[in-house]
């Protein structure tokens, strides 16, 4: 009898152990348990730790409450400015209501993935290429709102959505590269022109100061010569001073008067009294500006005969010695040489 009771007790203990093993469940810290009894939601959400369910009656489903990182496949679309692009994104979400995540949607992961893809295509069609490349934060916020609106009813919260990559066609990449190069060239030219303007202003101020002291210009010239002469493989060309050119120009404009030439003197030959034997005076060349013997003397009216030299028995004082003009009837004759001379 006692053996039968012991056997029954052992059998009950074995059955209880099997039942406990079948009914025991362990929920991890990052999970929540949802119990369905005969197909209906039973009680609340089971927290982490040890829990019991009825075997063959209750069914426990565990839901991960961690943040899930889901990559969104690349989506091709046409932007608002008619550029074909391919955009990749990534979605960060987590379950905040385990019961709704199980009841409201069949597979919340697949639902979030499909919603992210459709929202990404919609964002591509509403945005320009420049916004996709430079204004991604605003697009990320808009994409997050589009995905989060239906996901709230599924017990899912969208934490963050990031556009990961924007792929452009090769032709568009070359066009953008040329545009960037042209923009850089424009900025370089503007900066160079601004530098030239500032330098010209400074040079004008320096020239204004140097004009007050001409020696400063010469010192600056010497400094430039020294700087150029420091290079051993350079050819030095020394410019002609401007002051010397100005001096030569003034000298050419105001020439000095030429020195006055002494007046030549001619001695009249003395004869013995015969005016015919008086030889004719040879005409000597005179420099310009010296009056000749035929020119009237201003003082001749007051003192006649003061300007001419006469010999005894010679011509009248008023007559000046000189070559006689030949007449029309008589040919010119030359006087014979004086034998006494």
C-alpha atoms as a PDB file:
ATOM      1  CA  UNK A   1       0.000   0.000   0.000  1.00  0.00           C
ATOM      2  CA  UNK A   2       2.767   2.309   0.932  1.00  0.00           C
ATOM      3  CA  UNK A   3       4.582   1.457  -2.261  1.00  0.00           C
ATOM      4  CA  UNK A   4       1.544   2.310  -4.306  1.00  0.00           C
ATOM      5  CA  UNK A   5       1.215   5.663  -2.575  1.00  0.00           C
ATOM      6  CA  UNK A   6       4.863   6.381  -3.157  1.00  0.00           C
ATOM      7  CA  UNK A   7       4.522   5.462  -6.802  1.00  0.00           C
ATOM      8  CA  UNK A   8       1.475   7.670  -7.201  1.00  0.00           C
ATOM      9  CA  UNK A   9       3.283  10.536  -5.564  1.00  0.00           C
ATOM     10  CA  UNK A  10       6.251  10.105  -7.829  1.00  0.00           C
ATOM     11  CA  UNK A  11       3.952   9.999 -10.855  1.00  0.00           C
ATOM     12  CA  UNK A  12       2.189  13.188  -9.774  1.00  0.00           C
ATOM     13  CA  UNK A  13       5.492  14.873  -9.222  1.00  0.00           C
ATOM     14  CA  UNK A  14       6.638  13.815 -12.665  1.00  0.00           C
ATOM     15  CA  UNK A  15       3.442  15.074 -14.223  1.00  0.00           C
ATOM     16  CA  UNK A  16       3.766  18.347 -12.299  1.00  0.00           C
ATOM     17  CA  UNK A  17       7.359  18.701 -13.430  1.00  0.00           C
ATOM     18  CA  UNK A  18       6.436  18.091 -17.039  1.00  0.00           C
ATOM     19  CA  UNK A  19       3.566  20.561 -16.775  1.00  0.00           C
ATOM     20  CA  UNK A  20       5.770  23.166 -15.164  1.00  0.00           C
ATOM     21  CA  UNK A  21       8.393  22.688 -17.824  1.00  0.00           C
ATOM     22  CA  UNK A  22       5.769  23.066 -20.522  1.00  0.00           C
ATOM     23  CA  UNK A  23       4.165  26.123 -18.916  1.00  0.00           C
ATOM     24  CA  UNK A  24       7.343  27.971 -17.927  1.00  0.00           C
ATOM     25  CA  UNK A  25       8.518  30.882 -20.098  1.00  0.00           C
ATOM     26  CA  UNK A  26      11.401  33.316 -19.787  1.00  0.00           C
ATOM     27  CA  UNK A  27      11.103  36.834 -21.225  1.00  0.00           C
ATOM     28  CA  UNK A  28      14.371  38.692 -21.729  1.00  0.00           C
ATOM     29  CA  UNK A  29      15.023  42.235 -20.602  1.00  0.00           C
ATOM     30  CA  UNK A  30      14.677  43.790 -24.064  1.00  0.00           C
ATOM     31  CA  UNK A  31      11.521  41.778 -24.866  1.00  0.00           C
ATOM     32  CA  UNK A  32       7.862  41.904 -23.956  1.00  0.00           C
ATOM     33  CA  UNK A  33       5.444  38.949 -23.958  1.00  0.00           C
ATOM     34  CA  UNK A  34       1.914  38.927 -25.374  1.00  0.00           C
ATOM     35  CA  UNK A  35      -0.274  35.988 -24.293  1.00  0.00           C
ATOM     36  CA  UNK A  36      -3.120  34.680 -26.437  1.00  0.00           C
ATOM     37  CA  UNK A  37      -5.507  32.267 -24.730  1.00  0.00           C
ATOM     38  CA  UNK A  38      -7.581  30.322 -27.188  1.00  0.00           C
ATOM     39  CA  UNK A  39      -6.843  32.982 -29.801  1.00  0.00           C
ATOM     40  CA  UNK A  40      -7.774  35.990 -27.682  1.00  0.00           C
ATOM     41  CA  UNK A  41      -5.499  38.494 -25.979  1.00  0.00           C
ATOM     42  CA  UNK A  42      -5.211  37.483 -22.378  1.00  0.00           C
ATOM     43  CA  UNK A  43      -4.189  39.947 -19.716  1.00  0.00           C
ATOM     44  CA  UNK A  44      -1.567  42.575 -20.259  1.00  0.00           C
ATOM     45  CA  UNK A  45       1.840  42.503 -21.723  1.00  0.00           C
ATOM     46  CA  UNK A  46       4.198  40.257 -19.765  1.00  0.00           C
ATOM     47  CA  UNK A  47       7.340  41.948 -18.553  1.00  0.00           C
ATOM     48  CA  UNK A  48      10.870  40.529 -18.554  1.00  0.00           C
ATOM     49  CA  UNK A  49      11.610  37.572 -16.318  1.00  0.00           C
ATOM     50  CA  UNK A  50       9.958  34.211 -15.517  1.00  0.00           C
ATOM     51  CA  UNK A  51       6.297  33.750 -16.433  1.00  0.00           C
ATOM     52  CA  UNK A  52       3.846  30.870 -16.714  1.00  0.00           C
ATOM     53  CA  UNK A  53       1.296  30.009 -19.372  1.00  0.00           C
ATOM     54  CA  UNK A  54      -1.161  27.164 -19.712  1.00  0.00           C
ATOM     55  CA  UNK A  55       0.163  24.513 -22.059  1.00  0.00           C
ATOM     56  CA  UNK A  56      -1.999  23.792 -25.073  1.00  0.00           C
ATOM     57  CA  UNK A  57      -4.230  26.747 -24.125  1.00  0.00           C
ATOM     58  CA  UNK A  58      -2.048  29.821 -23.987  1.00  0.00           C
ATOM     59  CA  UNK A  59       0.388  30.980 -26.632  1.00  0.00           C
ATOM     60  CA  UNK A  60       3.119  33.467 -25.774  1.00  0.00           C
ATOM     61  CA  UNK A  61       4.627  35.759 -28.446  1.00  0.00           C
ATOM     62  CA  UNK A  62       7.708  37.756 -27.675  1.00  0.00           C
ATOM     63  CA  UNK A  63       8.241  41.189 -29.203  1.00  0.00           C
ATOM     64  CA  UNK A  64      11.688  42.811 -29.432  1.00  0.00           C
ATOM     65  CA  UNK A  65      11.651  46.327 -27.985  1.00  0.00           C
ATOM     66  CA  UNK A  66      15.114  47.316 -29.206  1.00  0.00           C
ATOM     67  CA  UNK A  67      15.766  49.984 -31.860  1.00  0.00           C
ATOM     68  CA  UNK A  68      15.829  48.314 -35.248  1.00  0.00           C
ATOM     69  CA  UNK A  69      18.093  49.547 -38.047  1.00  0.00           C
ATOM     70  CA  UNK A  70      16.484  48.835 -41.385  1.00  0.00           C
ATOM     71  CA  UNK A  71      18.166  49.754 -44.666  1.00  0.00           C
ATOM     72  CA  UNK A  72      15.851  51.005 -47.380  1.00  0.00           C
ATOM     73  CA  UNK A  73      16.708  49.633 -50.839  1.00  0.00           C
ATOM     74  CA  UNK A  74      17.843  52.182 -53.381  1.00  0.00           C
ATOM     75  CA  UNK A  75      14.949  53.873 -55.143  1.00  0.00           C
ATOM     76  CA  UNK A  76      15.220  55.440 -58.589  1.00  0.00           C
ATOM     77  CA  UNK A  77      13.152  58.498 -59.293  1.00  0.00           C
ATOM     78  CA  UNK A  78      12.974  61.758 -61.205  1.00  0.00           C
ATOM     79  CA  UNK A  79      13.397  64.950 -59.249  1.00  0.00           C
ATOM     80  CA  UNK A  80      11.305  68.060 -59.717  1.00  0.00           C
ATOM     81  CA  UNK A  81      13.967  69.532 -62.034  1.00  0.00           C
ATOM     82  CA  UNK A  82      13.890  66.387 -64.261  1.00  0.00           C
ATOM     83  CA  UNK A  83      17.067  64.675 -63.073  1.00  0.00           C
ATOM     84  CA  UNK A  84      17.141  60.900 -62.693  1.00  0.00           C
ATOM     85  CA  UNK A  85      18.682  59.872 -59.365  1.00  0.00           C
ATOM     86  CA  UNK A  86      18.996  56.793 -57.183  1.00  0.00           C
ATOM     87  CA  UNK A  87      18.629  57.364 -53.434  1.00  0.00           C
ATOM     88  CA  UNK A  88      19.426  54.990 -50.575  1.00  0.00           C
ATOM     89  CA  UNK A  89      18.208  55.534 -47.002  1.00  0.00           C
ATOM     90  CA  UNK A  90      18.152  53.912 -43.580  1.00  0.00           C
ATOM     91  CA  UNK A  91      15.319  53.860 -40.996  1.00  0.00           C
ATOM     92  CA  UNK A  92      15.682  53.608 -37.217  1.00  0.00           C
ATOM     93  CA  UNK A  93      12.508  52.533 -35.367  1.00  0.00           C
ATOM     94  CA  UNK A  94      11.373  50.636 -32.282  1.00  0.00           C
ATOM     95  CA  UNK A  95       8.177  49.039 -30.921  1.00  0.00           C
ATOM     96  CA  UNK A  96       6.468  50.994 -28.159  1.00  0.00           C
ATOM     97  CA  UNK A  97       3.281  48.906 -27.907  1.00  0.00           C
ATOM     98  CA  UNK A  98       3.875  45.165 -28.188  1.00  0.00           C
ATOM     99  CA  UNK A  99       0.173  44.234 -28.321  1.00  0.00           C
ATOM    100  CA  UNK A 100      -0.599  46.600 -31.242  1.00  0.00           C
ATOM    101  CA  UNK A 101       2.557  45.506 -33.073  1.00  0.00           C
ATOM    102  CA  UNK A 102       1.200  41.955 -33.010  1.00  0.00           C
ATOM    103  CA  UNK A 103      -2.494  42.643 -33.462  1.00  0.00           C
ATOM    104  CA  UNK A 104      -2.730  45.701 -35.727  1.00  0.00           C
ATOM    105  CA  UNK A 105      -0.303  44.592 -38.437  1.00  0.00           C
ATOM    106  CA  UNK A 106       0.744  41.219 -39.729  1.00  0.00           C
ATOM    107  CA  UNK A 107       4.485  41.947 -39.958  1.00  0.00           C
ATOM    108  CA  UNK A 108       5.454  45.352 -38.665  1.00  0.00           C
ATOM    109  CA  UNK A 109       8.996  45.098 -40.054  1.00  0.00           C
ATOM    110  CA  UNK A 110       7.810  44.485 -43.614  1.00  0.00           C
ATOM    111  CA  UNK A 111       5.173  47.205 -43.237  1.00  0.00           C
ATOM    112  CA  UNK A 112       7.750  49.769 -42.120  1.00  0.00           C
ATOM    113  CA  UNK A 113      10.082  48.779 -44.969  1.00  0.00           C
ATOM    114  CA  UNK A 114       7.409  49.223 -47.627  1.00  0.00           C
ATOM    115  CA  UNK A 115       6.251  52.518 -46.145  1.00  0.00           C
ATOM    116  CA  UNK A 116       9.830  53.800 -46.151  1.00  0.00           C
ATOM    117  CA  UNK A 117      10.306  52.930 -49.827  1.00  0.00           C
ATOM    118  CA  UNK A 118       7.094  54.642 -50.974  1.00  0.00           C
ATOM    119  CA  UNK A 119       7.804  57.715 -48.840  1.00  0.00           C
ATOM    120  CA  UNK A 120      11.327  57.931 -50.265  1.00  0.00           C
ATOM    121  CA  UNK A 121      10.004  57.889 -53.822  1.00  0.00           C
ATOM    122  CA  UNK A 122       7.545  60.621 -52.933  1.00  0.00           C
ATOM    123  CA  UNK A 123      10.284  62.774 -51.421  1.00  0.00           C
ATOM    124  CA  UNK A 124      12.438  62.368 -54.542  1.00  0.00           C
ATOM    125  CA  UNK A 125       9.634  63.589 -56.809  1.00  0.00           C
ATOM    126  CA  UNK A 126       8.946  66.652 -54.639  1.00  0.00           C
ATOM    127  CA  UNK A 127      12.552  67.793 -54.230  1.00  0.00           C
ATOM    128  CA  UNK A 128      15.168  69.380 -56.445  1.00  0.00           C
ATOM    129  CA  UNK A 129      18.598  67.941 -57.050  1.00  0.00           C
ATOM    130  CA  UNK A 130      20.266  70.687 -55.026  1.00  0.00           C
ATOM    131  CA  UNK A 131      18.028  69.873 -52.042  1.00  0.00           C
ATOM    132  CA  UNK A 132      18.943  66.200 -52.227  1.00  0.00           C
ATOM    133  CA  UNK A 133      22.632  67.065 -52.228  1.00  0.00           C
ATOM    134  CA  UNK A 134      22.820  69.947 -49.765  1.00  0.00           C
ATOM    135  CA  UNK A 135      19.576  70.181 -47.758  1.00  0.00           C
ATOM    136  CA  UNK A 136      19.282  66.613 -46.505  1.00  0.00           C
ATOM    137  CA  UNK A 137      18.273  67.467 -42.938  1.00  0.00           C
ATOM    138  CA  UNK A 138      15.014  69.007 -44.066  1.00  0.00           C
ATOM    139  CA  UNK A 139      14.308  66.032 -46.323  1.00  0.00           C
ATOM    140  CA  UNK A 140      15.068  63.635 -43.479  1.00  0.00           C
ATOM    141  CA  UNK A 141      12.542  65.352 -41.263  1.00  0.00           C
ATOM    142  CA  UNK A 142       9.879  65.229 -43.958  1.00  0.00           C
ATOM    143  CA  UNK A 143      10.577  61.570 -44.651  1.00  0.00           C
ATOM    144  CA  UNK A 144      10.373  60.756 -40.946  1.00  0.00           C
ATOM    145  CA  UNK A 145       6.966  62.399 -40.633  1.00  0.00           C
ATOM    146  CA  UNK A 146       5.649  60.546 -43.674  1.00  0.00           C
ATOM    147  CA  UNK A 147       6.668  57.155 -42.274  1.00  0.00           C
ATOM    148  CA  UNK A 148       5.760  57.859 -38.655  1.00  0.00           C
ATOM    149  CA  UNK A 149       2.144  58.855 -39.326  1.00  0.00           C
ATOM    150  CA  UNK A 150       0.833  55.322 -40.174  1.00  0.00           C
ATOM    151  CA  UNK A 151       3.374  53.552 -37.964  1.00  0.00           C
ATOM    152  CA  UNK A 152       1.973  55.057 -34.767  1.00  0.00           C
ATOM    153  CA  UNK A 153      -1.188  52.942 -35.149  1.00  0.00           C
ATOM    154  CA  UNK A 154       0.987  49.844 -35.429  1.00  0.00           C
ATOM    155  CA  UNK A 155       2.657  50.461 -32.088  1.00  0.00           C
ATOM    156  CA  UNK A 156       5.896  51.437 -33.846  1.00  0.00           C
ATOM    157  CA  UNK A 157       7.796  54.697 -33.336  1.00  0.00           C
ATOM    158  CA  UNK A 158      10.173  56.039 -36.024  1.00  0.00           C
ATOM    159  CA  UNK A 159      13.239  57.461 -34.318  1.00  0.00           C
ATOM    160  CA  UNK A 160      15.229  58.682 -37.292  1.00  0.00           C
ATOM    161  CA  UNK A 161      15.423  58.480 -41.070  1.00  0.00           C
ATOM    162  CA  UNK A 162      18.629  59.284 -42.942  1.00  0.00           C
ATOM    163  CA  UNK A 163      19.265  59.593 -46.685  1.00  0.00           C
ATOM    164  CA  UNK A 164      22.431  57.576 -47.083  1.00  0.00           C
ATOM    165  CA  UNK A 165      23.513  58.044 -50.683  1.00  0.00           C
ATOM    166  CA  UNK A 166      22.446  59.895 -53.815  1.00  0.00           C
ATOM    167  CA  UNK A 167      23.703  58.359 -57.064  1.00  0.00           C
ATOM    168  CA  UNK A 168      23.812  60.557 -60.174  1.00  0.00           C
ATOM    169  CA  UNK A 169      24.348  59.665 -63.836  1.00  0.00           C
ATOM    170  CA  UNK A 170      27.854  60.137 -65.214  1.00  0.00           C
ATOM    171  CA  UNK A 171      26.759  62.917 -67.571  1.00  0.00           C
ATOM    172  CA  UNK A 172      25.264  64.829 -64.671  1.00  0.00           C
ATOM    173  CA  UNK A 173      28.434  64.383 -62.643  1.00  0.00           C
ATOM    174  CA  UNK A 174      30.537  65.855 -65.464  1.00  0.00           C
ATOM    175  CA  UNK A 175      28.141  68.773 -65.846  1.00  0.00           C
ATOM    176  CA  UNK A 176      28.270  69.506 -62.139  1.00  0.00           C
ATOM    177  CA  UNK A 177      32.059  69.284 -62.203  1.00  0.00           C
ATOM    178  CA  UNK A 178      32.226  71.854 -65.021  1.00  0.00           C
ATOM    179  CA  UNK A 179      29.807  74.106 -63.157  1.00  0.00           C
ATOM    180  CA  UNK A 180      31.868  73.911 -59.985  1.00  0.00           C
ATOM    181  CA  UNK A 181      35.055  74.629 -61.940  1.00  0.00           C
ATOM    182  CA  UNK A 182      33.492  77.669 -63.602  1.00  0.00           C
ATOM    183  CA  UNK A 183      32.273  78.958 -60.257  1.00  0.00           C
ATOM    184  CA  UNK A 184      35.730  78.558 -58.751  1.00  0.00           C
ATOM    185  CA  UNK A 185      37.258  80.381 -61.719  1.00  0.00           C
ATOM    186  CA  UNK A 186      34.774  83.223 -61.331  1.00  0.00           C
ATOM    187  CA  UNK A 187      35.566  83.584 -57.648  1.00  0.00           C
ATOM    188  CA  UNK A 188      39.292  83.547 -58.369  1.00  0.00           C
ATOM    189  CA  UNK A 189      38.932  86.313 -60.955  1.00  0.00           C
ATOM    190  CA  UNK A 190      36.819  88.434 -58.620  1.00  0.00           C
ATOM    191  CA  UNK A 191      39.368  88.061 -55.835  1.00  0.00           C
ATOM    192  CA  UNK A 192      42.199  88.903 -58.241  1.00  0.00           C
ATOM    193  CA  UNK A 193      40.375  92.004 -59.481  1.00  0.00           C
ATOM    194  CA  UNK A 194      39.715  93.119 -55.917  1.00  0.00           C
ATOM    195  CA  UNK A 195      43.393  92.691 -55.105  1.00  0.00           C
ATOM    196  CA  UNK A 196      44.374  94.737 -58.171  1.00  0.00           C
ATOM    197  CA  UNK A 197      41.973  97.507 -57.119  1.00  0.00           C
ATOM    198  CA  UNK A 198      43.401  97.686 -53.629  1.00  0.00           C
ATOM    199  CA  UNK A 199      46.961  97.592 -54.956  1.00  0.00           C
ATOM    200  CA  UNK A 200      46.218 100.404 -57.423  1.00  0.00           C
ATOM    201  CA  UNK A 201      44.851 102.575 -54.612  1.00  0.00           C
ATOM    202  CA  UNK A 202      47.953 101.985 -52.532  1.00  0.00           C
ATOM    203  CA  UNK A 203      50.221 102.689 -55.510  1.00  0.00           C
ATOM    204  CA  UNK A 204      48.357 105.930 -56.196  1.00  0.00           C
ATOM    205  CA  UNK A 205      48.894 107.014 -52.598  1.00  0.00           C
ATOM    206  CA  UNK A 206      52.575 106.066 -52.816  1.00  0.00           C
ATOM    207  CA  UNK A 207      53.013 107.999 -56.066  1.00  0.00           C
ATOM    208  CA  UNK A 208      51.340 111.028 -54.489  1.00  0.00           C
ATOM    209  CA  UNK A 209      53.785 110.936 -51.594  1.00  0.00           C
ATOM    210  CA  UNK A 210      56.815 110.370 -53.850  1.00  0.00           C
ATOM    211  CA  UNK A 211      55.843 113.294 -56.081  1.00  0.00           C
ATOM    212  CA  UNK A 212      56.515 115.636 -53.170  1.00  0.00           C
ATOM    213  CA  UNK A 213      60.110 114.408 -52.870  1.00  0.00           C
ATOM    214  CA  UNK A 214      61.809 113.526 -56.202  1.00  0.00           C
ATOM    215  CA  UNK A 215      64.671 111.892 -54.309  1.00  0.00           C
ATOM    216  CA  UNK A 216      62.247 109.261 -53.010  1.00  0.00           C
ATOM    217  CA  UNK A 217      61.619 108.134 -56.580  1.00  0.00           C
ATOM    218  CA  UNK A 218      65.345 107.691 -57.150  1.00  0.00           C
ATOM    219  CA  UNK A 219      65.705 105.710 -53.917  1.00  0.00           C
ATOM    220  CA  UNK A 220      62.819 103.496 -54.938  1.00  0.00           C
ATOM    221  CA  UNK A 221      64.462 102.953 -58.306  1.00  0.00           C
ATOM    222  CA  UNK A 222      67.698 101.922 -56.628  1.00  0.00           C
ATOM    223  CA  UNK A 223      65.835  99.521 -54.346  1.00  0.00           C
ATOM    224  CA  UNK A 224      64.192  97.940 -57.377  1.00  0.00           C
ATOM    225  CA  UNK A 225      67.565  97.579 -59.084  1.00  0.00           C
ATOM    226  CA  UNK A 226      68.989  95.886 -55.988  1.00  0.00           C
ATOM    227  CA  UNK A 227      66.032  93.506 -55.798  1.00  0.00           C
ATOM    228  CA  UNK A 228      66.359  92.552 -59.461  1.00  0.00           C
ATOM    229  CA  UNK A 229      70.140  92.192 -59.247  1.00  0.00           C
ATOM    230  CA  UNK A 230      69.743  89.580 -56.490  1.00  0.00           C
ATOM    231  CA  UNK A 231      68.726  87.036 -59.146  1.00  0.00           C
ATOM    232  CA  UNK A 232      71.833  85.664 -60.800  1.00  0.00           C
ATOM    233  CA  UNK A 233      70.106  84.510 -63.962  1.00  0.00           C
ATOM    234  CA  UNK A 234      68.360  87.802 -64.724  1.00  0.00           C
ATOM    235  CA  UNK A 235      69.210  90.582 -67.134  1.00  0.00           C
ATOM    236  CA  UNK A 236      69.129  94.060 -65.640  1.00  0.00           C
ATOM    237  CA  UNK A 237      67.866  96.868 -67.869  1.00  0.00           C
ATOM    238  CA  UNK A 238      68.443 100.282 -66.301  1.00  0.00           C
ATOM    239  CA  UNK A 239      65.808 102.800 -67.371  1.00  0.00           C
ATOM    240  CA  UNK A 240      66.734 106.315 -68.461  1.00  0.00           C
ATOM    241  CA  UNK A 241      65.980 108.927 -65.752  1.00  0.00           C
ATOM    242  CA  UNK A 242      62.930 110.990 -66.480  1.00  0.00           C
ATOM    243  CA  UNK A 243      64.459 114.132 -64.969  1.00  0.00           C
ATOM    244  CA  UNK A 244      67.281 114.053 -67.527  1.00  0.00           C
ATOM    245  CA  UNK A 245      64.775 113.773 -70.346  1.00  0.00           C
ATOM    246  CA  UNK A 246      62.895 116.769 -68.995  1.00  0.00           C
ATOM    247  CA  UNK A 247      66.162 118.746 -68.762  1.00  0.00           C
ATOM    248  CA  UNK A 248      67.014 117.962 -72.385  1.00  0.00           C
ATOM    249  CA  UNK A 249      63.518 118.921 -73.463  1.00  0.00           C
ATOM    250  CA  UNK A 250      63.776 122.314 -71.761  1.00  0.00           C
ATOM    251  CA  UNK A 251      67.245 122.868 -73.254  1.00  0.00           C
ATOM    252  CA  UNK A 252      65.934 122.139 -76.753  1.00  0.00           C
ATOM    253  CA  UNK A 253      62.945 124.436 -76.246  1.00  0.00           C
ATOM    254  CA  UNK A 254      65.109 127.449 -75.110  1.00  0.00           C
ATOM    255  CA  UNK A 255      68.450 127.354 -77.085  1.00  0.00           C
ATOM    256  CA  UNK A 256      71.324 129.679 -76.015  1.00  0.00           C
ATOM    257  CA  UNK A 257      72.086 132.726 -78.358  1.00  0.00           C
ATOM    258  CA  UNK A 258      75.211 132.248 -80.550  1.00  0.00           C
ATOM    259  CA  UNK A 259      78.275 134.459 -79.763  1.00  0.00           C
ATOM    260  CA  UNK A 260      78.679 137.666 -81.880  1.00  0.00           C
ATOM    261  CA  UNK A 261      81.379 137.479 -84.607  1.00  0.00           C
ATOM    262  CA  UNK A 262      83.906 140.386 -84.839  1.00  0.00           C
ATOM    263  CA  UNK A 263      83.326 142.796 -87.726  1.00  0.00           C
ATOM    264  CA  UNK A 264      85.934 142.477 -90.483  1.00  0.00           C
ATOM    265  CA  UNK A 265      88.021 145.569 -91.317  1.00  0.00           C
ATOM    266  CA  UNK A 266      89.215 146.405 -94.833  1.00  0.00           C
ATOM    267  CA  UNK A 267      92.080 148.803 -95.543  1.00  0.00           C
ATOM    268  CA  UNK A 268      91.687 151.091 -98.480  1.00  0.00           C
ATOM    269  CA  UNK A 269      94.786 151.275-100.711  1.00  0.00           C
ATOM    270  CA  UNK A 270      96.539 154.599-100.929  1.00  0.00           C
ATOM    271  CA  UNK A 271      97.345 155.979-104.444  1.00  0.00           C
ATOM    272  CA  UNK A 272      99.453 158.838-105.617  1.00  0.00           C
ATOM    273  CA  UNK A 273      96.547 160.910-106.846  1.00  0.00           C
ATOM    274  CA  UNK A 274      95.168 159.174-109.857  1.00  0.00           C
ATOM    275  CA  UNK A 275      91.791 157.854-109.051  1.00  0.00           C
ATOM    276  CA  UNK A 276      91.857 155.566-112.019  1.00  0.00           C
ATOM    277  CA  UNK A 277      94.840 153.707-110.643  1.00  0.00           C
ATOM    278  CA  UNK A 278      92.957 152.849-107.493  1.00  0.00           C
ATOM    279  CA  UNK A 279      92.395 149.117-107.542  1.00  0.00           C
ATOM    280  CA  UNK A 280      88.940 147.774-106.852  1.00  0.00           C
ATOM    281  CA  UNK A 281      88.399 146.362-103.409  1.00  0.00           C
ATOM    282  CA  UNK A 282      87.675 142.728-103.291  1.00  0.00           C
ATOM    283  CA  UNK A 283      84.377 141.886-101.731  1.00  0.00           C
ATOM    284  CA  UNK A 284      84.777 139.781 -98.611  1.00  0.00           C
ATOM    285  CA  UNK A 285      82.071 137.570 -97.201  1.00  0.00           C
ATOM    286  CA  UNK A 286      80.369 138.844 -94.089  1.00  0.00           C
ATOM    287  CA  UNK A 287      78.533 136.907 -91.452  1.00  0.00           C
ATOM    288  CA  UNK A 288      74.802 137.398 -91.136  1.00  0.00           C
ATOM    289  CA  UNK A 289      73.809 140.360 -89.053  1.00  0.00           C
ATOM    290  CA  UNK A 290      76.841 142.572 -90.066  1.00  0.00           C
ATOM    291  CA  UNK A 291      75.834 145.483 -92.332  1.00  0.00           C
ATOM    292  CA  UNK A 292      77.684 145.839 -95.613  1.00  0.00           C
ATOM    293  CA  UNK A 293      79.264 148.938 -97.081  1.00  0.00           C
ATOM    294  CA  UNK A 294      76.223 149.672 -99.238  1.00  0.00           C
ATOM    295  CA  UNK A 295      73.913 149.833 -96.239  1.00  0.00           C
ATOM    296  CA  UNK A 296      72.948 153.355 -95.244  1.00  0.00           C
ATOM    297  CA  UNK A 297      74.544 154.667 -92.077  1.00  0.00           C
ATOM    298  CA  UNK A 298      72.197 156.306 -89.632  1.00  0.00           C
ATOM    299  CA  UNK A 299      74.807 158.874 -88.672  1.00  0.00           C
ATOM    300  CA  UNK A 300      75.678 159.823 -92.270  1.00  0.00           C
ATOM    301  CA  UNK A 301      73.143 162.662 -92.274  1.00  0.00           C
ATOM    302  CA  UNK A 302      74.871 164.435 -89.384  1.00  0.00           C
ATOM    303  CA  UNK A 303      78.526 163.735 -90.145  1.00  0.00           C
ATOM    304  CA  UNK A 304      79.169 162.999 -93.789  1.00  0.00           C
ATOM    305  CA  UNK A 305      82.292 161.117 -94.634  1.00  0.00           C
ATOM    306  CA  UNK A 306      82.794 159.723 -91.159  1.00  0.00           C
ATOM    307  CA  UNK A 307      82.350 156.145 -92.139  1.00  0.00           C
ATOM    308  CA  UNK A 308      84.636 155.982 -95.187  1.00  0.00           C
ATOM    309  CA  UNK A 309      88.388 156.269 -95.572  1.00  0.00           C
ATOM    310  CA  UNK A 310      89.776 158.622 -98.306  1.00  0.00           C
ATOM    311  CA  UNK A 311      93.200 159.121 -99.666  1.00  0.00           C
ATOM    312  CA  UNK A 312      94.712 162.382-100.908  1.00  0.00           C
ATOM    313  CA  UNK A 313      93.408 163.114-104.332  1.00  0.00           C
ATOM    314  CA  UNK A 314      90.885 160.296-104.025  1.00  0.00           C
ATOM    315  CA  UNK A 315      87.173 160.284-104.652  1.00  0.00           C
ATOM    316  CA  UNK A 316      84.653 162.391-102.878  1.00  0.00           C
ATOM    317  CA  UNK A 317      84.029 161.696 -99.175  1.00  0.00           C
ATOM    318  CA  UNK A 318      80.461 160.724 -99.854  1.00  0.00           C
ATOM    319  CA  UNK A 319      81.497 157.984-102.250  1.00  0.00           C
ATOM    320  CA  UNK A 320      82.355 154.645-100.741  1.00  0.00           C
ATOM    321  CA  UNK A 321      85.109 152.524-102.254  1.00  0.00           C
ATOM    322  CA  UNK A 322      83.904 149.379-103.818  1.00  0.00           C
ATOM    323  CA  UNK A 323      83.580 147.544-107.063  1.00  0.00           C
ATOM    324  CA  UNK A 324      82.293 149.699-109.866  1.00  0.00           C
ATOM    325  CA  UNK A 325      79.218 148.544-111.575  1.00  0.00           C
ATOM    326  CA  UNK A 326      79.909 147.822-115.210  1.00  0.00           C
ATOM    327  CA  UNK A 327      78.037 149.847-117.753  1.00  0.00           C
ATOM    328  CA  UNK A 328      76.055 148.502-120.610  1.00  0.00           C
ATOM    329  CA  UNK A 329      78.459 149.943-123.284  1.00  0.00           C
ATOM    330  CA  UNK A 330      81.794 149.125-121.742  1.00  0.00           C
ATOM    331  CA  UNK A 331      82.850 145.659-120.700  1.00  0.00           C
ATOM    332  CA  UNK A 332      84.328 145.181-117.246  1.00  0.00           C
ATOM    333  CA  UNK A 333      88.085 145.415-116.996  1.00  0.00           C
ATOM    334  CA  UNK A 334      90.429 144.315-114.293  1.00  0.00           C
ATOM    335  CA  UNK A 335      93.106 146.676-113.018  1.00  0.00           C
ATOM    336  CA  UNK A 336      96.733 145.627-113.631  1.00  0.00           C
ATOM    337  CA  UNK A 337      98.788 144.677-110.664  1.00  0.00           C
ATOM    338  CA  UNK A 338     100.886 147.446-109.169  1.00  0.00           C
ATOM    339  CA  UNK A 339     104.516 146.837-110.120  1.00  0.00           C
ATOM    340  CA  UNK A 340     105.693 148.571-106.969  1.00  0.00           C
ATOM    341  CA  UNK A 341     103.905 145.971-104.891  1.00  0.00           C
END
